[in-house]
Amino acid sequence: ATRIPFANTQAIMARYLDDFVLVEDKALEEAVRLLIMHSHNLVEEAGAAPLAAALNLKKQLVGKKIVLVVSGGNLSVERLAHILLD
């Protein structure tokens, strides 16, 4: 995740995406916890964003097949402890 979007990336997303979903930090942390507990995969918060977004949209997604690309394991032990103990 970045604080400032890159113009080229924004242009590509605007052209090809149907929707863009913003999620809160707490939703990212919950998605990290769920992925660890249920899939046994350690991901950083940005990598868990697809799950966080899907959870926010679960009413719209009922009965649909979806794919979540989950990536990134750049999570410090300190940050992981904070997420798990929160």
N, C-alpha and C. Protein backbone atom coordinates (compact mmCIF):
# COMPACT_ATOMS: atom_id res chain seq x y z
N ALA A 1 0.85 -1.18 0.00
CA ALA A 1 0.00 0.00 0.00
C ALA A 1 0.88 1.23 0.00
N THR A 2 0.42 2.24 -0.67
CA THR A 2 1.15 3.50 -0.73
C THR A 2 0.27 4.64 -0.25
N ARG A 3 0.89 5.70 0.17
CA ARG A 3 0.14 6.87 0.61
C ARG A 3 -0.34 7.70 -0.58
N ILE A 4 0.43 7.68 -1.66
CA ILE A 4 0.10 8.47 -2.85
C ILE A 4 0.00 7.53 -4.04
N PRO A 5 -1.13 7.57 -4.76
CA PRO A 5 -1.26 6.68 -5.93
C PRO A 5 -0.38 7.14 -7.09
N PHE A 6 0.11 6.19 -7.85
CA PHE A 6 0.89 6.50 -9.04
C PHE A 6 -0.06 6.72 -10.20
N ALA A 7 0.20 7.74 -11.00
CA ALA A 7 -0.70 8.12 -12.09
C ALA A 7 -0.91 6.97 -13.09
N ASN A 8 0.16 6.28 -13.47
CA ASN A 8 0.04 5.19 -14.44
C ASN A 8 -0.81 4.05 -13.88
N THR A 9 -0.58 3.71 -12.63
CA THR A 9 -1.37 2.65 -12.00
C THR A 9 -2.84 3.04 -11.92
N GLN A 10 -3.10 4.27 -11.54
CA GLN A 10 -4.48 4.76 -11.47
C GLN A 10 -5.16 4.69 -12.83
N ALA A 11 -4.45 5.06 -13.88
CA ALA A 11 -5.01 5.03 -15.24
C ALA A 11 -5.36 3.60 -15.66
N ILE A 12 -4.47 2.66 -15.36
CA ILE A 12 -4.72 1.26 -15.71
C ILE A 12 -5.94 0.74 -14.94
N MET A 13 -6.00 1.03 -13.65
CA MET A 13 -7.14 0.55 -12.85
C MET A 13 -8.45 1.16 -13.35
N ALA A 14 -8.44 2.45 -13.65
CA ALA A 14 -9.66 3.10 -14.13
C ALA A 14 -10.16 2.48 -15.43
N ARG A 15 -9.23 2.03 -16.23
CA ARG A 15 -9.60 1.44 -17.53
C ARG A 15 -10.18 0.02 -17.38
N TYR A 16 -9.63 -0.77 -16.47
CA TYR A 16 -9.97 -2.19 -16.43
C TYR A 16 -10.84 -2.64 -15.26
N LEU A 17 -10.92 -1.87 -14.21
CA LEU A 17 -11.70 -2.30 -13.05
C LEU A 17 -13.15 -1.86 -13.15
N ASP A 18 -14.04 -2.72 -12.70
CA ASP A 18 -15.46 -2.37 -12.64
C ASP A 18 -15.77 -1.59 -11.37
N ASP A 19 -15.00 -1.85 -10.32
CA ASP A 19 -15.26 -1.22 -9.03
C ASP A 19 -13.97 -1.15 -8.24
N PHE A 20 -13.94 -0.28 -7.27
CA PHE A 20 -12.79 -0.12 -6.39
C PHE A 20 -13.36 -0.01 -4.99
N VAL A 21 -12.87 -0.83 -4.06
CA VAL A 21 -13.43 -0.89 -2.72
C VAL A 21 -12.39 -0.43 -1.71
N LEU A 22 -12.77 0.53 -0.87
CA LEU A 22 -11.90 0.98 0.21
C LEU A 22 -12.26 0.21 1.48
N VAL A 23 -11.24 -0.16 2.25
CA VAL A 23 -11.49 -0.87 3.50
C VAL A 23 -10.75 -0.18 4.63
N GLU A 24 -11.29 -0.29 5.81
CA GLU A 24 -10.69 0.31 7.01
C GLU A 24 -9.53 -0.56 7.50
N ASP A 25 -8.64 0.06 8.27
CA ASP A 25 -7.49 -0.66 8.83
C ASP A 25 -7.93 -1.85 9.67
N LYS A 26 -8.98 -1.68 10.46
CA LYS A 26 -9.46 -2.78 11.31
C LYS A 26 -9.94 -3.95 10.46
N ALA A 27 -10.53 -3.67 9.31
CA ALA A 27 -10.98 -4.74 8.42
C ALA A 27 -9.79 -5.49 7.85
N LEU A 28 -8.70 -4.78 7.57
CA LEU A 28 -7.47 -5.43 7.09
C LEU A 28 -6.90 -6.35 8.16
N GLU A 29 -6.89 -5.87 9.40
CA GLU A 29 -6.38 -6.68 10.50
C GLU A 29 -7.23 -7.94 10.68
N GLU A 30 -8.54 -7.79 10.60
CA GLU A 30 -9.43 -8.95 10.73
C GLU A 30 -9.20 -9.95 9.60
N ALA A 31 -8.97 -9.45 8.41
CA ALA A 31 -8.70 -10.33 7.27
C ALA A 31 -7.40 -11.09 7.47
N VAL A 32 -6.38 -10.44 8.02
CA VAL A 32 -5.11 -11.13 8.32
C VAL A 32 -5.38 -12.25 9.32
N ARG A 33 -6.13 -11.95 10.38
CA ARG A 33 -6.44 -12.97 11.39
C ARG A 33 -7.19 -14.15 10.77
N LEU A 34 -8.19 -13.86 9.96
CA LEU A 34 -8.97 -14.93 9.33
C LEU A 34 -8.12 -15.80 8.41
N LEU A 35 -7.25 -15.17 7.64
CA LEU A 35 -6.39 -15.94 6.74
C LEU A 35 -5.43 -16.84 7.52
N ILE A 36 -4.90 -16.32 8.61
CA ILE A 36 -4.00 -17.14 9.43
C ILE A 36 -4.77 -18.31 10.04
N MET A 37 -5.93 -18.03 10.61
CA MET A 37 -6.70 -19.07 11.30
C MET A 37 -7.27 -20.13 10.36
N HIS A 38 -7.75 -19.71 9.20
CA HIS A 38 -8.48 -20.64 8.33
C HIS A 38 -7.68 -21.20 7.17
N SER A 39 -6.67 -20.46 6.71
CA SER A 39 -5.89 -20.97 5.58
C SER A 39 -4.44 -21.26 5.96
N HIS A 40 -4.07 -20.85 7.18
CA HIS A 40 -2.70 -21.05 7.67
C HIS A 40 -1.68 -20.34 6.79
N ASN A 41 -2.09 -19.21 6.20
CA ASN A 41 -1.19 -18.39 5.39
C ASN A 41 -0.94 -17.07 6.10
N LEU A 42 0.32 -16.71 6.20
CA LEU A 42 0.70 -15.43 6.80
C LEU A 42 0.80 -14.40 5.70
N VAL A 43 -0.03 -13.37 5.77
CA VAL A 43 0.00 -12.30 4.78
C VAL A 43 0.08 -10.96 5.50
N GLU A 44 0.63 -9.99 4.80
CA GLU A 44 0.62 -8.63 5.33
C GLU A 44 -0.77 -8.03 5.12
N GLU A 45 -1.01 -6.90 5.75
CA GLU A 45 -2.34 -6.30 5.67
C GLU A 45 -2.75 -5.95 4.24
N ALA A 46 -1.84 -5.40 3.47
CA ALA A 46 -2.17 -5.07 2.07
C ALA A 46 -2.52 -6.32 1.29
N GLY A 47 -1.86 -7.43 1.59
CA GLY A 47 -2.15 -8.68 0.90
C GLY A 47 -3.49 -9.27 1.28
N ALA A 48 -3.99 -8.89 2.45
CA ALA A 48 -5.29 -9.37 2.91
C ALA A 48 -6.44 -8.48 2.45
N ALA A 49 -6.12 -7.40 1.75
CA ALA A 49 -7.14 -6.44 1.31
C ALA A 49 -8.26 -7.08 0.48
N PRO A 50 -7.96 -8.03 -0.42
CA PRO A 50 -9.07 -8.64 -1.17
C PRO A 50 -10.10 -9.33 -0.27
N LEU A 51 -9.63 -10.02 0.76
CA LEU A 51 -10.56 -10.67 1.67
C LEU A 51 -11.35 -9.62 2.45
N ALA A 52 -10.68 -8.58 2.92
CA ALA A 52 -11.37 -7.52 3.66
C ALA A 52 -12.46 -6.89 2.79
N ALA A 53 -12.15 -6.65 1.54
CA ALA A 53 -13.14 -6.06 0.62
C ALA A 53 -14.30 -7.02 0.39
N ALA A 54 -13.99 -8.30 0.19
CA ALA A 54 -15.05 -9.29 -0.04
C ALA A 54 -15.97 -9.40 1.18
N LEU A 55 -15.39 -9.33 2.37
CA LEU A 55 -16.22 -9.38 3.58
C LEU A 55 -17.13 -8.17 3.67
N ASN A 56 -16.64 -7.00 3.24
CA ASN A 56 -17.48 -5.80 3.23
C ASN A 56 -18.61 -5.91 2.21
N LEU A 57 -18.41 -6.71 1.19
CA LEU A 57 -19.39 -6.85 0.11
C LEU A 57 -20.14 -8.18 0.15
N LYS A 58 -20.10 -8.86 1.28
CA LYS A 58 -20.62 -10.24 1.30
C LYS A 58 -22.08 -10.34 0.88
N LYS A 59 -22.91 -9.36 1.18
CA LYS A 59 -24.32 -9.43 0.75
C LYS A 59 -24.43 -9.42 -0.77
N GLN A 60 -23.60 -8.61 -1.43
CA GLN A 60 -23.63 -8.54 -2.89
C GLN A 60 -22.99 -9.76 -3.54
N LEU A 61 -22.17 -10.49 -2.79
CA LEU A 61 -21.44 -11.62 -3.36
C LEU A 61 -22.10 -12.98 -3.10
N VAL A 62 -23.18 -13.00 -2.34
CA VAL A 62 -23.85 -14.26 -2.03
C VAL A 62 -24.23 -14.98 -3.32
N GLY A 63 -23.84 -16.24 -3.41
CA GLY A 63 -24.18 -17.07 -4.56
C GLY A 63 -23.26 -16.89 -5.76
N LYS A 64 -22.28 -16.02 -5.65
CA LYS A 64 -21.36 -15.79 -6.76
C LYS A 64 -20.03 -16.48 -6.49
N LYS A 65 -19.36 -16.86 -7.55
CA LYS A 65 -18.01 -17.39 -7.43
C LYS A 65 -17.05 -16.22 -7.53
N ILE A 66 -16.12 -16.15 -6.58
CA ILE A 66 -15.14 -15.06 -6.60
C ILE A 66 -13.74 -15.64 -6.44
N VAL A 67 -12.78 -14.88 -6.87
CA VAL A 67 -11.37 -15.23 -6.72
C VAL A 67 -10.70 -14.10 -5.96
N LEU A 68 -9.92 -14.45 -4.94
CA LEU A 68 -9.17 -13.46 -4.18
C LEU A 68 -7.69 -13.73 -4.38
N VAL A 69 -6.98 -12.75 -4.87
CA VAL A 69 -5.53 -12.87 -5.00
C VAL A 69 -4.93 -12.33 -3.71
N VAL A 70 -4.34 -13.23 -2.94
CA VAL A 70 -3.76 -12.88 -1.64
C VAL A 70 -2.26 -13.02 -1.75
N SER A 71 -1.54 -11.96 -1.38
CA SER A 71 -0.09 -12.00 -1.53
C SER A 71 0.57 -11.17 -0.44
N GLY A 72 1.87 -11.29 -0.37
CA GLY A 72 2.66 -10.45 0.52
C GLY A 72 2.78 -11.00 1.92
N GLY A 73 3.99 -11.28 2.34
CA GLY A 73 4.24 -11.77 3.68
C GLY A 73 5.17 -10.86 4.45
N ASN A 74 5.20 -9.60 4.08
CA ASN A 74 6.10 -8.63 4.70
C ASN A 74 5.45 -8.07 5.97
N LEU A 75 5.40 -8.89 7.00
CA LEU A 75 4.74 -8.53 8.25
C LEU A 75 5.71 -8.80 9.38
N SER A 76 6.02 -7.77 10.15
CA SER A 76 6.97 -7.94 11.26
C SER A 76 6.32 -8.74 12.39
N VAL A 77 7.14 -9.33 13.20
CA VAL A 77 6.65 -10.09 14.35
C VAL A 77 5.88 -9.17 15.28
N GLU A 78 6.37 -7.95 15.45
CA GLU A 78 5.70 -6.99 16.32
C GLU A 78 4.31 -6.63 15.79
N ARG A 79 4.21 -6.40 14.50
CA ARG A 79 2.92 -6.05 13.90
C ARG A 79 1.97 -7.25 13.96
N LEU A 80 2.49 -8.43 13.71
CA LEU A 80 1.68 -9.64 13.79
C LEU A 80 1.12 -9.82 15.20
N ALA A 81 1.97 -9.63 16.21
CA ALA A 81 1.52 -9.75 17.60
C ALA A 81 0.41 -8.75 17.89
N HIS A 82 0.56 -7.52 17.42
CA HIS A 82 -0.47 -6.50 17.62
C HIS A 82 -1.80 -6.94 16.99
N ILE A 83 -1.74 -7.44 15.78
CA ILE A 83 -2.95 -7.86 15.07
C ILE A 83 -3.61 -9.03 15.79
N LEU A 84 -2.83 -10.01 16.20
CA LEU A 84 -3.39 -11.20 16.83
C LEU A 84 -3.92 -10.94 18.23
N LEU A 85 -3.32 -9.99 18.94
CA LEU A 85 -3.73 -9.72 20.31
C LEU A 85 -4.78 -8.63 20.43
N ASP A 86 -5.12 -8.02 19.32
CA ASP A 86 -6.10 -6.92 19.34
C ASP A 86 -7.50 -7.45 19.54
